[in-house]
């Protein structure tokens, strides 16, 4: 017996929430961004180590709902080792998905993040899912151009 797709996605979200990847502190980060969703109180502290435009390491801390914390974990897995130029289209595609684009929800380049596609049906939770991505955008703005 298999779970419906939504059930599989829920399990994936809960797994990232309970055992997040890249959670913790980083020694000497190049960028530190704190983001808070005032609507629900979720917060993220994103830390990046960047070399020659490549996200060499990423860590996050924070608290909040399963959606914001799982999104941070999934995003961290996806962007680690990528350049900002490579991460930018992923951000754009994730934003499209989270706002209801069905084609984006099927885009395999988003990996585990596709589990969050159902958030599009919960408009109040879109900010939760976008919180780490907004922090990534702010980090890019803070870093000197290379």
C-alpha atoms as a PDB file:
ATOM      1  CA  UNK A   1       0.000   0.000   0.000  1.00  0.00           C
ATOM      2  CA  UNK A   2       1.419   3.389  -0.955  1.00  0.00           C
ATOM      3  CA  UNK A   3       0.690   6.792   0.449  1.00  0.00           C
ATOM      4  CA  UNK A   4      -0.990   9.338  -1.789  1.00  0.00           C
ATOM      5  CA  UNK A   5       1.459  11.861  -3.222  1.00  0.00           C
ATOM      6  CA  UNK A   6       0.432  14.480  -0.639  1.00  0.00           C
ATOM      7  CA  UNK A   7       1.217  11.959   2.123  1.00  0.00           C
ATOM      8  CA  UNK A   8       4.670  11.289   0.695  1.00  0.00           C
ATOM      9  CA  UNK A   9       5.276  15.029   0.468  1.00  0.00           C
ATOM     10  CA  UNK A  10       4.105  15.535   4.050  1.00  0.00           C
ATOM     11  CA  UNK A  11       6.535  12.855   5.227  1.00  0.00           C
ATOM     12  CA  UNK A  12       9.395  14.508   3.330  1.00  0.00           C
ATOM     13  CA  UNK A  13       8.574  17.910   4.852  1.00  0.00           C
ATOM     14  CA  UNK A  14       8.418  16.420   8.340  1.00  0.00           C
ATOM     15  CA  UNK A  15      11.720  14.584   7.811  1.00  0.00           C
ATOM     16  CA  UNK A  16      13.462  17.849   6.863  1.00  0.00           C
ATOM     17  CA  UNK A  17      11.795  19.598   9.807  1.00  0.00           C
ATOM     18  CA  UNK A  18      12.783  16.971  12.371  1.00  0.00           C
ATOM     19  CA  UNK A  19      16.283  16.242  10.991  1.00  0.00           C
ATOM     20  CA  UNK A  20      17.288  19.291   8.983  1.00  0.00           C
ATOM     21  CA  UNK A  21      20.370  19.396   6.807  1.00  0.00           C
ATOM     22  CA  UNK A  22      22.870  22.228   7.285  1.00  0.00           C
ATOM     23  CA  UNK A  23      21.395  23.321  10.628  1.00  0.00           C
ATOM     24  CA  UNK A  24      23.814  24.976  13.036  1.00  0.00           C
ATOM     25  CA  UNK A  25      26.471  27.647  13.309  1.00  0.00           C
ATOM     26  CA  UNK A  26      29.364  28.375  11.008  1.00  0.00           C
ATOM     27  CA  UNK A  27      32.810  29.673  11.877  1.00  0.00           C
ATOM     28  CA  UNK A  28      33.589  32.958  10.115  1.00  0.00           C
ATOM     29  CA  UNK A  29      30.681  33.237   7.679  1.00  0.00           C
ATOM     30  CA  UNK A  30      30.963  35.719   4.813  1.00  0.00           C
ATOM     31  CA  UNK A  31      27.277  36.627   5.105  1.00  0.00           C
ATOM     32  CA  UNK A  32      24.788  36.416   7.956  1.00  0.00           C
ATOM     33  CA  UNK A  33      21.155  37.315   7.357  1.00  0.00           C
ATOM     34  CA  UNK A  34      18.360  37.266   9.909  1.00  0.00           C
ATOM     35  CA  UNK A  35      14.826  37.094   8.539  1.00  0.00           C
ATOM     36  CA  UNK A  36      11.565  37.025  10.448  1.00  0.00           C
ATOM     37  CA  UNK A  37       8.025  36.467   9.297  1.00  0.00           C
ATOM     38  CA  UNK A  38       6.088  38.897  11.503  1.00  0.00           C
ATOM     39  CA  UNK A  39       2.792  37.253  10.591  1.00  0.00           C
ATOM     40  CA  UNK A  40       3.571  33.961  12.300  1.00  0.00           C
ATOM     41  CA  UNK A  41       6.839  34.535  14.163  1.00  0.00           C
ATOM     42  CA  UNK A  42       9.024  32.159  12.133  1.00  0.00           C
ATOM     43  CA  UNK A  43      12.659  33.196  11.951  1.00  0.00           C
ATOM     44  CA  UNK A  44      15.757  32.122  10.052  1.00  0.00           C
ATOM     45  CA  UNK A  45      19.397  33.054  10.448  1.00  0.00           C
ATOM     46  CA  UNK A  46      21.199  32.127   7.227  1.00  0.00           C
ATOM     47  CA  UNK A  47      24.995  31.915   7.188  1.00  0.00           C
ATOM     48  CA  UNK A  48      27.031  31.538   4.012  1.00  0.00           C
ATOM     49  CA  UNK A  49      30.654  30.989   3.201  1.00  0.00           C
ATOM     50  CA  UNK A  50      31.299  32.109  -0.376  1.00  0.00           C
ATOM     51  CA  UNK A  51      34.441  31.725  -2.486  1.00  0.00           C
ATOM     52  CA  UNK A  52      34.685  33.185  -5.980  1.00  0.00           C
ATOM     53  CA  UNK A  53      30.904  33.434  -6.214  1.00  0.00           C
ATOM     54  CA  UNK A  54      30.338  29.819  -5.150  1.00  0.00           C
ATOM     55  CA  UNK A  55      28.347  28.983  -2.018  1.00  0.00           C
ATOM     56  CA  UNK A  56      31.000  26.865  -0.376  1.00  0.00           C
ATOM     57  CA  UNK A  57      29.020  26.239   2.802  1.00  0.00           C
ATOM     58  CA  UNK A  58      25.574  27.118   4.098  1.00  0.00           C
ATOM     59  CA  UNK A  59      24.129  26.873   7.593  1.00  0.00           C
ATOM     60  CA  UNK A  60      20.901  28.036   9.130  1.00  0.00           C
ATOM     61  CA  UNK A  61      19.331  28.393  12.542  1.00  0.00           C
ATOM     62  CA  UNK A  62      15.853  29.384  13.460  1.00  0.00           C
ATOM     63  CA  UNK A  63      12.520  28.367  14.730  1.00  0.00           C
ATOM     64  CA  UNK A  64       9.116  28.140  13.280  1.00  0.00           C
ATOM     65  CA  UNK A  65       6.699  25.924  11.483  1.00  0.00           C
ATOM     66  CA  UNK A  66       7.577  22.784   9.571  1.00  0.00           C
ATOM     67  CA  UNK A  67       7.222  24.654   6.275  1.00  0.00           C
ATOM     68  CA  UNK A  68       9.800  27.374   6.995  1.00  0.00           C
ATOM     69  CA  UNK A  69      12.309  25.040   8.606  1.00  0.00           C
ATOM     70  CA  UNK A  70      11.942  22.300   5.980  1.00  0.00           C
ATOM     71  CA  UNK A  71      12.242  24.911   3.228  1.00  0.00           C
ATOM     72  CA  UNK A  72      15.534  26.106   4.775  1.00  0.00           C
ATOM     73  CA  UNK A  73      16.859  22.544   4.980  1.00  0.00           C
ATOM     74  CA  UNK A  74      15.839  21.688   1.413  1.00  0.00           C
ATOM     75  CA  UNK A  75      17.178  24.979   0.050  1.00  0.00           C
ATOM     76  CA  UNK A  76      20.495  24.476   1.837  1.00  0.00           C
ATOM     77  CA  UNK A  77      20.906  21.038   0.283  1.00  0.00           C
ATOM     78  CA  UNK A  78      20.132  22.422  -3.153  1.00  0.00           C
ATOM     79  CA  UNK A  79      22.354  25.518  -3.141  1.00  0.00           C
ATOM     80  CA  UNK A  80      25.450  24.148  -1.383  1.00  0.00           C
ATOM     81  CA  UNK A  81      28.277  24.118  -3.900  1.00  0.00           C
ATOM     82  CA  UNK A  82      26.434  26.240  -6.455  1.00  0.00           C
ATOM     83  CA  UNK A  83      27.250  29.728  -7.640  1.00  0.00           C
ATOM     84  CA  UNK A  84      24.731  32.505  -7.085  1.00  0.00           C
ATOM     85  CA  UNK A  85      24.198  32.459 -10.853  1.00  0.00           C
ATOM     86  CA  UNK A  86      23.167  28.800 -10.549  1.00  0.00           C
ATOM     87  CA  UNK A  87      21.050  29.389  -7.434  1.00  0.00           C
ATOM     88  CA  UNK A  88      19.172  32.354  -8.950  1.00  0.00           C
ATOM     89  CA  UNK A  89      17.086  30.332 -11.431  1.00  0.00           C
ATOM     90  CA  UNK A  90      16.261  27.831  -8.674  1.00  0.00           C
ATOM     91  CA  UNK A  91      14.961  30.689  -6.538  1.00  0.00           C
ATOM     92  CA  UNK A  92      12.873  31.982  -9.432  1.00  0.00           C
ATOM     93  CA  UNK A  93      11.493  28.520 -10.166  1.00  0.00           C
ATOM     94  CA  UNK A  94      10.710  27.895  -6.480  1.00  0.00           C
ATOM     95  CA  UNK A  95       8.891  31.231  -6.295  1.00  0.00           C
ATOM     96  CA  UNK A  96       6.819  30.267  -9.351  1.00  0.00           C
ATOM     97  CA  UNK A  97       5.969  26.909  -7.787  1.00  0.00           C
ATOM     98  CA  UNK A  98       5.035  28.362  -4.414  1.00  0.00           C
ATOM     99  CA  UNK A  99       2.678  30.772  -6.187  1.00  0.00           C
ATOM    100  CA  UNK A 100       0.847  27.937  -7.941  1.00  0.00           C
ATOM    101  CA  UNK A 101       2.719  27.252 -11.202  1.00  0.00           C
ATOM    102  CA  UNK A 102       1.949  23.569 -11.880  1.00  0.00           C
ATOM    103  CA  UNK A 103       4.799  23.222 -14.386  1.00  0.00           C
ATOM    104  CA  UNK A 104       7.298  24.496 -11.817  1.00  0.00           C
ATOM    105  CA  UNK A 105       5.915  21.959  -9.315  1.00  0.00           C
ATOM    106  CA  UNK A 106       7.007  19.182 -11.699  1.00  0.00           C
ATOM    107  CA  UNK A 107      10.488  20.650 -12.292  1.00  0.00           C
ATOM    108  CA  UNK A 108      12.978  18.038 -11.097  1.00  0.00           C
ATOM    109  CA  UNK A 109      15.674  20.680 -10.660  1.00  0.00           C
ATOM    110  CA  UNK A 110      13.874  21.697  -7.452  1.00  0.00           C
ATOM    111  CA  UNK A 111      14.496  18.288  -5.883  1.00  0.00           C
ATOM    112  CA  UNK A 112      12.873  17.841  -2.468  1.00  0.00           C
ATOM    113  CA  UNK A 113      11.503  21.391  -2.625  1.00  0.00           C
ATOM    114  CA  UNK A 114       8.717  20.079  -4.858  1.00  0.00           C
ATOM    115  CA  UNK A 115       7.214  18.663  -1.654  1.00  0.00           C
ATOM    116  CA  UNK A 116       6.292  22.242  -0.765  1.00  0.00           C
ATOM    117  CA  UNK A 117       4.182  22.735  -3.911  1.00  0.00           C
ATOM    118  CA  UNK A 118       0.984  22.336  -1.870  1.00  0.00           C
ATOM    119  CA  UNK A 119       1.815  25.559  -0.027  1.00  0.00           C
ATOM    120  CA  UNK A 120       0.407  27.354  -3.077  1.00  0.00           C
ATOM    121  CA  UNK A 121      -3.029  26.305  -1.785  1.00  0.00           C
ATOM    122  CA  UNK A 122      -2.263  27.960   1.574  1.00  0.00           C
ATOM    123  CA  UNK A 123      -1.581  31.642   0.779  1.00  0.00           C
ATOM    124  CA  UNK A 124      -0.861  32.515   4.426  1.00  0.00           C
ATOM    125  CA  UNK A 125       2.021  29.992   4.413  1.00  0.00           C
ATOM    126  CA  UNK A 126       3.773  31.246   1.269  1.00  0.00           C
ATOM    127  CA  UNK A 127       5.864  33.649   3.356  1.00  0.00           C
ATOM    128  CA  UNK A 128       6.916  30.737   5.560  1.00  0.00           C
ATOM    129  CA  UNK A 129       8.223  28.773   2.586  1.00  0.00           C
ATOM    130  CA  UNK A 130       9.915  31.844   1.088  1.00  0.00           C
ATOM    131  CA  UNK A 131      11.657  32.924   4.307  1.00  0.00           C
ATOM    132  CA  UNK A 132      15.013  31.174   3.692  1.00  0.00           C
ATOM    133  CA  UNK A 133      14.964  32.148   0.022  1.00  0.00           C
ATOM    134  CA  UNK A 134      14.386  35.797   0.944  1.00  0.00           C
ATOM    135  CA  UNK A 135      17.391  35.480   3.284  1.00  0.00           C
ATOM    136  CA  UNK A 136      19.458  34.066   0.402  1.00  0.00           C
ATOM    137  CA  UNK A 137      18.527  37.045  -1.786  1.00  0.00           C
ATOM    138  CA  UNK A 138      19.506  39.450   0.987  1.00  0.00           C
ATOM    139  CA  UNK A 139      22.824  37.626   1.506  1.00  0.00           C
ATOM    140  CA  UNK A 140      23.648  38.005  -2.158  1.00  0.00           C
ATOM    141  CA  UNK A 141      22.965  41.738  -1.921  1.00  0.00           C
ATOM    142  CA  UNK A 142      25.281  42.028   1.115  1.00  0.00           C
ATOM    143  CA  UNK A 143      28.222  40.262  -0.468  1.00  0.00           C
ATOM    144  CA  UNK A 144      30.664  42.191  -2.641  1.00  0.00           C
ATOM    145  CA  UNK A 145      30.397  41.403  -6.357  1.00  0.00           C
ATOM    146  CA  UNK A 146      33.080  38.984  -7.464  1.00  0.00           C
END
